């Protein structure tokens, strides 16, 4: 997992803004909004850090769920940590529920730098 940097912080802040506005965001648009260089791999690493090191470790809703493929409007295959195996027929319902949780959470109370 990469050490967080200003790009990770910018993506986190862009995602919290999406949550406040109750919307998802495409991966490339997320990079543009956060003003970070566009690369699928780089954005995925930042999202993975946010998921694993901020959301999972602190017991928070998975904010990374708001980042989606612009065409399908759905997340990629690595939206959950690899240890989770969800039956295909339940994946859509699970994702929708996780999006609602992320949108409803008071992200203003969460510090990116909190240990």
C-alpha atoms as a PDB file:
ATOM      1  CA  UNK A   1       0.000   0.000   0.000  1.00  0.00           C
ATOM      2  CA  UNK A   2       1.486   3.371  -0.964  1.00  0.00           C
ATOM      3  CA  UNK A   3       2.280   5.942   1.655  1.00  0.00           C
ATOM      4  CA  UNK A   4      -0.429   8.597   1.446  1.00  0.00           C
ATOM      5  CA  UNK A   5       0.541  11.816  -0.249  1.00  0.00           C
ATOM      6  CA  UNK A   6      -1.141  15.044  -1.326  1.00  0.00           C
ATOM      7  CA  UNK A   7      -2.765  13.232  -4.263  1.00  0.00           C
ATOM      8  CA  UNK A   8      -4.352  10.724  -1.881  1.00  0.00           C
ATOM      9  CA  UNK A   9      -5.562  13.588   0.300  1.00  0.00           C
ATOM     10  CA  UNK A  10      -7.006  15.408  -2.747  1.00  0.00           C
ATOM     11  CA  UNK A  11      -8.873  12.280  -3.875  1.00  0.00           C
ATOM     12  CA  UNK A  12     -10.194  11.769  -0.333  1.00  0.00           C
ATOM     13  CA  UNK A  13     -11.432  15.360  -0.250  1.00  0.00           C
ATOM     14  CA  UNK A  14     -13.045  15.035  -3.699  1.00  0.00           C
ATOM     15  CA  UNK A  15     -14.832  11.858  -2.576  1.00  0.00           C
ATOM     16  CA  UNK A  16     -16.120  13.493   0.601  1.00  0.00           C
ATOM     17  CA  UNK A  17     -17.502  16.315  -1.564  1.00  0.00           C
ATOM     18  CA  UNK A  18     -19.241  13.704  -3.746  1.00  0.00           C
ATOM     19  CA  UNK A  19     -20.748  12.161  -0.604  1.00  0.00           C
ATOM     20  CA  UNK A  20     -22.066  15.555   0.543  1.00  0.00           C
ATOM     21  CA  UNK A  21     -23.561  16.087  -2.936  1.00  0.00           C
ATOM     22  CA  UNK A  22     -24.955  12.528  -2.960  1.00  0.00           C
ATOM     23  CA  UNK A  23     -23.349  11.498  -6.236  1.00  0.00           C
ATOM     24  CA  UNK A  24     -20.883   9.008  -7.619  1.00  0.00           C
ATOM     25  CA  UNK A  25     -17.954  10.076  -9.791  1.00  0.00           C
ATOM     26  CA  UNK A  26     -16.046   8.487 -12.678  1.00  0.00           C
ATOM     27  CA  UNK A  27     -12.430   7.525 -12.041  1.00  0.00           C
ATOM     28  CA  UNK A  28     -10.985   9.937 -14.602  1.00  0.00           C
ATOM     29  CA  UNK A  29     -13.269  12.774 -13.492  1.00  0.00           C
ATOM     30  CA  UNK A  30     -12.181  12.090  -9.912  1.00  0.00           C
ATOM     31  CA  UNK A  31      -8.531  12.484 -10.917  1.00  0.00           C
ATOM     32  CA  UNK A  32      -9.336  15.704 -12.780  1.00  0.00           C
ATOM     33  CA  UNK A  33     -11.373  17.132  -9.893  1.00  0.00           C
ATOM     34  CA  UNK A  34      -8.620  16.234  -7.413  1.00  0.00           C
ATOM     35  CA  UNK A  35      -6.034  17.695  -9.820  1.00  0.00           C
ATOM     36  CA  UNK A  36      -3.942  14.528  -9.831  1.00  0.00           C
ATOM     37  CA  UNK A  37      -2.354  12.973 -12.916  1.00  0.00           C
ATOM     38  CA  UNK A  38      -4.720  10.493 -14.575  1.00  0.00           C
ATOM     39  CA  UNK A  39      -3.665   6.871 -14.452  1.00  0.00           C
ATOM     40  CA  UNK A  40      -6.043   3.990 -13.724  1.00  0.00           C
ATOM     41  CA  UNK A  41      -3.393   2.261 -11.652  1.00  0.00           C
ATOM     42  CA  UNK A  42      -2.504   5.376  -9.629  1.00  0.00           C
ATOM     43  CA  UNK A  43      -6.140   6.253  -8.900  1.00  0.00           C
ATOM     44  CA  UNK A  44      -6.792   2.626  -7.906  1.00  0.00           C
ATOM     45  CA  UNK A  45      -3.856   2.737  -5.461  1.00  0.00           C
ATOM     46  CA  UNK A  46      -5.168   5.926  -3.854  1.00  0.00           C
ATOM     47  CA  UNK A  47      -8.679   4.441  -3.617  1.00  0.00           C
ATOM     48  CA  UNK A  48      -7.269   1.260  -2.095  1.00  0.00           C
ATOM     49  CA  UNK A  49      -5.399   3.277   0.516  1.00  0.00           C
ATOM     50  CA  UNK A  50      -8.538   5.268   1.377  1.00  0.00           C
ATOM     51  CA  UNK A  51     -10.549   2.037   1.644  1.00  0.00           C
ATOM     52  CA  UNK A  52      -8.022   0.028   3.678  1.00  0.00           C
ATOM     53  CA  UNK A  53      -6.207   2.599   5.791  1.00  0.00           C
ATOM     54  CA  UNK A  54      -8.964   5.123   6.471  1.00  0.00           C
ATOM     55  CA  UNK A  55     -12.339   3.438   6.059  1.00  0.00           C
ATOM     56  CA  UNK A  56     -11.718  -0.176   7.087  1.00  0.00           C
ATOM     57  CA  UNK A  57      -9.257   0.565   9.909  1.00  0.00           C
ATOM     58  CA  UNK A  58     -11.568   3.199  11.409  1.00  0.00           C
ATOM     59  CA  UNK A  59     -14.813   1.276  10.872  1.00  0.00           C
ATOM     60  CA  UNK A  60     -16.173   3.891   8.450  1.00  0.00           C
ATOM     61  CA  UNK A  61     -18.347   3.428   5.362  1.00  0.00           C
ATOM     62  CA  UNK A  62     -16.287   2.662   2.272  1.00  0.00           C
ATOM     63  CA  UNK A  63     -15.926   6.079   0.663  1.00  0.00           C
ATOM     64  CA  UNK A  64     -14.147   4.511  -2.328  1.00  0.00           C
ATOM     65  CA  UNK A  65     -17.525   3.058  -3.389  1.00  0.00           C
ATOM     66  CA  UNK A  66     -18.412   6.456  -4.853  1.00  0.00           C
ATOM     67  CA  UNK A  67     -15.723   6.124  -7.552  1.00  0.00           C
ATOM     68  CA  UNK A  68     -17.127   4.304 -10.587  1.00  0.00           C
ATOM     69  CA  UNK A  69     -16.505   3.474 -14.217  1.00  0.00           C
ATOM     70  CA  UNK A  70     -17.891   6.428 -16.197  1.00  0.00           C
ATOM     71  CA  UNK A  71     -19.545   4.206 -18.791  1.00  0.00           C
ATOM     72  CA  UNK A  72     -21.116   1.508 -16.606  1.00  0.00           C
ATOM     73  CA  UNK A  73     -21.658   3.773 -13.563  1.00  0.00           C
ATOM     74  CA  UNK A  74     -20.497   0.839 -11.433  1.00  0.00           C
ATOM     75  CA  UNK A  75     -17.277   0.219  -9.487  1.00  0.00           C
ATOM     76  CA  UNK A  76     -14.435  -1.951 -10.699  1.00  0.00           C
ATOM     77  CA  UNK A  77     -13.652  -5.451  -9.504  1.00  0.00           C
ATOM     78  CA  UNK A  78     -11.323  -4.328  -6.698  1.00  0.00           C
ATOM     79  CA  UNK A  79     -13.904  -2.209  -4.908  1.00  0.00           C
ATOM     80  CA  UNK A  80     -13.758  -4.549  -1.893  1.00  0.00           C
ATOM     81  CA  UNK A  81     -10.618  -6.023  -0.341  1.00  0.00           C
ATOM     82  CA  UNK A  82      -9.704  -9.247  -2.150  1.00  0.00           C
ATOM     83  CA  UNK A  83     -10.544 -11.403   0.892  1.00  0.00           C
ATOM     84  CA  UNK A  84     -14.263 -10.700   0.358  1.00  0.00           C
ATOM     85  CA  UNK A  85     -16.087 -13.023  -2.017  1.00  0.00           C
ATOM     86  CA  UNK A  86     -19.624 -11.837  -2.742  1.00  0.00           C
ATOM     87  CA  UNK A  87     -22.024 -13.910  -4.867  1.00  0.00           C
ATOM     88  CA  UNK A  88     -22.684 -12.195  -8.213  1.00  0.00           C
ATOM     89  CA  UNK A  89     -26.421 -11.855  -7.584  1.00  0.00           C
ATOM     90  CA  UNK A  90     -25.772  -9.913  -4.345  1.00  0.00           C
ATOM     91  CA  UNK A  91     -23.017  -7.586  -5.579  1.00  0.00           C
ATOM     92  CA  UNK A  92     -25.297  -4.860  -6.967  1.00  0.00           C
ATOM     93  CA  UNK A  93     -27.433  -4.705  -3.804  1.00  0.00           C
ATOM     94  CA  UNK A  94     -24.352  -4.650  -1.593  1.00  0.00           C
ATOM     95  CA  UNK A  95     -22.741  -1.859  -3.630  1.00  0.00           C
ATOM     96  CA  UNK A  96     -25.925   0.250  -3.578  1.00  0.00           C
ATOM     97  CA  UNK A  97     -26.176  -0.114   0.196  1.00  0.00           C
ATOM     98  CA  UNK A  98     -22.530   0.812   0.656  1.00  0.00           C
ATOM     99  CA  UNK A  99     -22.979   3.900  -1.545  1.00  0.00           C
ATOM    100  CA  UNK A 100     -25.926   5.025   0.583  1.00  0.00           C
ATOM    101  CA  UNK A 101     -23.899   4.551   3.761  1.00  0.00           C
ATOM    102  CA  UNK A 102     -20.995   6.559   2.331  1.00  0.00           C
ATOM    103  CA  UNK A 103     -23.313   9.362   1.209  1.00  0.00           C
ATOM    104  CA  UNK A 104     -25.077   9.558   4.580  1.00  0.00           C
ATOM    105  CA  UNK A 105     -21.920   9.643   6.709  1.00  0.00           C
ATOM    106  CA  UNK A 106     -20.775  12.979   8.251  1.00  0.00           C
ATOM    107  CA  UNK A 107     -17.363  13.081   6.529  1.00  0.00           C
ATOM    108  CA  UNK A 108     -16.641  16.575   7.869  1.00  0.00           C
ATOM    109  CA  UNK A 109     -15.916  14.888  11.201  1.00  0.00           C
ATOM    110  CA  UNK A 110     -13.210  12.642   9.663  1.00  0.00           C
ATOM    111  CA  UNK A 111      -9.599  13.759   9.506  1.00  0.00           C
ATOM    112  CA  UNK A 112      -7.472  12.372   6.697  1.00  0.00           C
ATOM    113  CA  UNK A 113      -4.441  12.503   9.027  1.00  0.00           C
ATOM    114  CA  UNK A 114      -6.069  10.854  12.045  1.00  0.00           C
ATOM    115  CA  UNK A 115      -3.965   7.974  13.314  1.00  0.00           C
END
